[in-house]
Amino acid sequence: MAKRLHGEEIDNAILKYLTDLPFSATTEMVAKQLNVAWYTAQMHLFKLEQDRKVRYFKIGRQNQWIISSKMTK
């Protein structure tokens, strides 16, 4: 059974996952990768967005997430 992630572990896992991707990821992709609920992923992503570590943009109804440093200004 895989170890359950909590708190800062989730934040760090999200940052690593998004850093390793050559493109953006949806909330659902992040949740599946980390094996957490969609809502859990969304709340952590919004926290990281407030901390300016990630940014999001919408495509249709989906939030697309990317590491802030990958975004052009």
N, C-alpha and C. Protein backbone atom coordinates (compact mmCIF):
# COMPACT_ATOMS: atom_id res chain seq x y z
N MET A 1 0.84 -1.18 0.00
CA MET A 1 0.00 0.00 0.00
C MET A 1 0.88 1.24 0.00
N ALA A 2 0.58 2.20 -0.86
CA ALA A 2 1.39 3.42 -0.98
C ALA A 2 1.18 4.32 0.23
N LYS A 3 2.24 5.02 0.59
CA LYS A 3 2.19 5.96 1.72
C LYS A 3 1.29 7.13 1.35
N ARG A 4 0.42 7.53 2.26
CA ARG A 4 -0.46 8.68 2.05
C ARG A 4 0.31 9.95 2.31
N LEU A 5 0.16 10.90 1.43
CA LEU A 5 0.81 12.19 1.58
C LEU A 5 -0.07 13.14 2.38
N HIS A 6 0.56 14.06 3.11
CA HIS A 6 -0.17 15.03 3.92
C HIS A 6 0.51 16.38 3.83
N GLY A 7 -0.27 17.44 3.95
CA GLY A 7 0.23 18.81 4.08
C GLY A 7 1.32 19.20 3.11
N GLU A 8 2.47 19.56 3.67
CA GLU A 8 3.59 20.02 2.87
C GLU A 8 4.11 18.95 1.91
N GLU A 9 3.95 17.69 2.26
CA GLU A 9 4.36 16.61 1.36
C GLU A 9 3.59 16.70 0.04
N ILE A 10 2.31 17.03 0.14
CA ILE A 10 1.50 17.17 -1.07
C ILE A 10 1.99 18.36 -1.89
N ASP A 11 2.25 19.49 -1.21
CA ASP A 11 2.77 20.68 -1.91
C ASP A 11 4.05 20.34 -2.65
N ASN A 12 4.97 19.69 -1.96
CA ASN A 12 6.26 19.35 -2.57
C ASN A 12 6.10 18.37 -3.73
N ALA A 13 5.20 17.41 -3.59
CA ALA A 13 4.97 16.44 -4.67
C ALA A 13 4.36 17.13 -5.89
N ILE A 14 3.45 18.07 -5.66
CA ILE A 14 2.86 18.84 -6.77
C ILE A 14 3.94 19.63 -7.49
N LEU A 15 4.78 20.32 -6.73
CA LEU A 15 5.84 21.12 -7.35
C LEU A 15 6.79 20.26 -8.16
N LYS A 16 7.15 19.09 -7.63
CA LYS A 16 8.05 18.20 -8.37
C LYS A 16 7.38 17.71 -9.64
N TYR A 17 6.13 17.29 -9.55
CA TYR A 17 5.40 16.79 -10.71
C TYR A 17 5.30 17.86 -11.80
N LEU A 18 4.92 19.07 -11.42
CA LEU A 18 4.78 20.13 -12.41
C LEU A 18 6.12 20.57 -12.99
N THR A 19 7.17 20.52 -12.18
CA THR A 19 8.50 20.87 -12.67
C THR A 19 8.97 19.87 -13.71
N ASP A 20 8.67 18.60 -13.50
CA ASP A 20 9.12 17.54 -14.41
C ASP A 20 8.33 17.48 -15.72
N LEU A 21 7.15 18.09 -15.75
CA LEU A 21 6.33 18.06 -16.97
C LEU A 21 6.80 19.12 -17.96
N PRO A 22 6.82 18.80 -19.24
CA PRO A 22 7.18 19.81 -20.24
C PRO A 22 5.98 20.68 -20.63
N PHE A 23 4.82 20.44 -20.02
CA PHE A 23 3.59 21.16 -20.35
C PHE A 23 2.79 21.35 -19.07
N SER A 24 1.64 21.98 -19.17
CA SER A 24 0.80 22.19 -18.00
C SER A 24 0.02 20.91 -17.68
N ALA A 25 -0.60 20.91 -16.50
CA ALA A 25 -1.40 19.75 -16.06
C ALA A 25 -2.73 20.23 -15.50
N THR A 26 -3.75 19.41 -15.68
CA THR A 26 -5.05 19.71 -15.09
C THR A 26 -5.04 19.30 -13.62
N THR A 27 -6.03 19.79 -12.90
CA THR A 27 -6.19 19.39 -11.50
C THR A 27 -6.36 17.88 -11.41
N GLU A 28 -7.12 17.32 -12.33
CA GLU A 28 -7.35 15.87 -12.34
C GLU A 28 -6.04 15.10 -12.55
N MET A 29 -5.19 15.58 -13.44
CA MET A 29 -3.90 14.92 -13.67
C MET A 29 -3.06 14.93 -12.40
N VAL A 30 -3.04 16.06 -11.71
CA VAL A 30 -2.27 16.18 -10.47
C VAL A 30 -2.83 15.22 -9.42
N ALA A 31 -4.14 15.20 -9.26
CA ALA A 31 -4.77 14.32 -8.28
C ALA A 31 -4.45 12.86 -8.54
N LYS A 32 -4.54 12.44 -9.79
CA LYS A 32 -4.24 11.04 -10.13
C LYS A 32 -2.77 10.71 -9.89
N GLN A 33 -1.88 11.62 -10.25
CA GLN A 33 -0.45 11.38 -10.06
C GLN A 33 -0.10 11.21 -8.58
N LEU A 34 -0.72 12.02 -7.73
CA LEU A 34 -0.42 11.99 -6.30
C LEU A 34 -1.30 11.01 -5.53
N ASN A 35 -2.30 10.44 -6.22
CA ASN A 35 -3.24 9.52 -5.58
C ASN A 35 -3.97 10.19 -4.41
N VAL A 36 -4.48 11.40 -4.70
CA VAL A 36 -5.28 12.15 -3.72
C VAL A 36 -6.60 12.52 -4.39
N ALA A 37 -7.55 12.95 -3.60
CA ALA A 37 -8.84 13.39 -4.13
C ALA A 37 -8.65 14.65 -4.97
N TRP A 38 -9.53 14.83 -5.95
CA TRP A 38 -9.48 16.02 -6.80
C TRP A 38 -9.53 17.28 -5.95
N TYR A 39 -10.43 17.32 -4.97
CA TYR A 39 -10.58 18.49 -4.10
C TYR A 39 -9.30 18.78 -3.33
N THR A 40 -8.64 17.76 -2.85
CA THR A 40 -7.37 17.94 -2.13
C THR A 40 -6.33 18.57 -3.04
N ALA A 41 -6.22 18.05 -4.25
CA ALA A 41 -5.26 18.61 -5.21
C ALA A 41 -5.60 20.06 -5.50
N GLN A 42 -6.88 20.36 -5.72
CA GLN A 42 -7.30 21.72 -6.04
C GLN A 42 -6.95 22.69 -4.91
N MET A 43 -7.22 22.32 -3.68
CA MET A 43 -6.93 23.21 -2.55
C MET A 43 -5.43 23.47 -2.41
N HIS A 44 -4.62 22.43 -2.60
CA HIS A 44 -3.17 22.62 -2.52
C HIS A 44 -2.66 23.46 -3.69
N LEU A 45 -3.22 23.26 -4.86
CA LEU A 45 -2.82 24.06 -6.02
C LEU A 45 -3.16 25.53 -5.80
N PHE A 46 -4.34 25.82 -5.25
CA PHE A 46 -4.70 27.20 -4.98
C PHE A 46 -3.79 27.81 -3.92
N LYS A 47 -3.39 27.02 -2.92
CA LYS A 47 -2.44 27.52 -1.91
C LYS A 47 -1.11 27.85 -2.57
N LEU A 48 -0.62 26.96 -3.43
CA LEU A 48 0.64 27.21 -4.12
C LEU A 48 0.52 28.41 -5.06
N GLU A 49 -0.66 28.62 -5.62
CA GLU A 49 -0.88 29.78 -6.48
C GLU A 49 -0.82 31.06 -5.67
N GLN A 50 -1.39 31.04 -4.46
CA GLN A 50 -1.32 32.21 -3.57
C GLN A 50 0.13 32.50 -3.18
N ASP A 51 0.93 31.45 -3.04
CA ASP A 51 2.35 31.61 -2.72
C ASP A 51 3.19 31.94 -3.95
N ARG A 52 2.53 32.06 -5.11
CA ARG A 52 3.16 32.40 -6.39
C ARG A 52 4.15 31.36 -6.89
N LYS A 53 3.95 30.13 -6.48
CA LYS A 53 4.82 29.04 -6.92
C LYS A 53 4.29 28.39 -8.20
N VAL A 54 2.97 28.42 -8.37
CA VAL A 54 2.35 27.91 -9.59
C VAL A 54 1.38 28.96 -10.10
N ARG A 55 1.03 28.82 -11.37
CA ARG A 55 0.03 29.70 -11.98
C ARG A 55 -0.96 28.83 -12.72
N TYR A 56 -2.13 29.38 -12.92
CA TYR A 56 -3.12 28.62 -13.69
C TYR A 56 -3.76 29.49 -14.74
N PHE A 57 -4.27 28.81 -15.73
CA PHE A 57 -5.07 29.45 -16.76
C PHE A 57 -6.16 28.46 -17.12
N LYS A 58 -7.22 28.96 -17.70
CA LYS A 58 -8.36 28.10 -18.03
C LYS A 58 -8.37 27.78 -19.52
N ILE A 59 -8.67 26.53 -19.80
CA ILE A 59 -8.97 26.09 -21.15
C ILE A 59 -10.33 25.42 -21.05
N GLY A 60 -11.33 26.08 -21.58
CA GLY A 60 -12.70 25.59 -21.40
C GLY A 60 -13.07 25.66 -19.94
N ARG A 61 -13.46 24.53 -19.39
CA ARG A 61 -13.82 24.47 -17.97
C ARG A 61 -12.69 23.96 -17.10
N GLN A 62 -11.54 23.66 -17.69
CA GLN A 62 -10.44 23.07 -16.92
C GLN A 62 -9.43 24.12 -16.49
N ASN A 63 -8.95 23.97 -15.26
CA ASN A 63 -7.80 24.75 -14.81
C ASN A 63 -6.55 24.00 -15.26
N GLN A 64 -5.65 24.72 -15.89
CA GLN A 64 -4.36 24.17 -16.29
C GLN A 64 -3.32 24.80 -15.37
N TRP A 65 -2.47 23.98 -14.78
CA TRP A 65 -1.49 24.44 -13.80
C TRP A 65 -0.08 24.29 -14.35
N ILE A 66 0.77 25.25 -14.01
CA ILE A 66 2.15 25.24 -14.48
C ILE A 66 3.02 25.92 -13.42
N ILE A 67 4.28 25.52 -13.33
CA ILE A 67 5.22 26.17 -12.42
C ILE A 67 5.38 27.62 -12.88
N SER A 68 5.37 28.56 -11.95
CA SER A 68 5.45 29.98 -12.29
C SER A 68 6.65 30.33 -13.15
N SER A 69 7.78 29.72 -12.89
CA SER A 69 9.00 30.05 -13.63
C SER A 69 8.92 29.65 -15.09
N LYS A 70 7.99 28.78 -15.48
CA LYS A 70 7.82 28.36 -16.87
C LYS A 70 6.95 29.31 -17.67
N MET A 71 6.25 30.20 -16.97
CA MET A 71 5.35 31.15 -17.64
C MET A 71 6.16 32.34 -18.15
N THR A 72 5.84 32.79 -19.34
CA THR A 72 6.47 33.99 -19.86
C THR A 72 5.72 35.20 -19.33
N LYS A 73 6.41 36.25 -19.17
CA LYS A 73 5.79 37.46 -18.60
C LYS A 73 5.23 38.34 -19.65
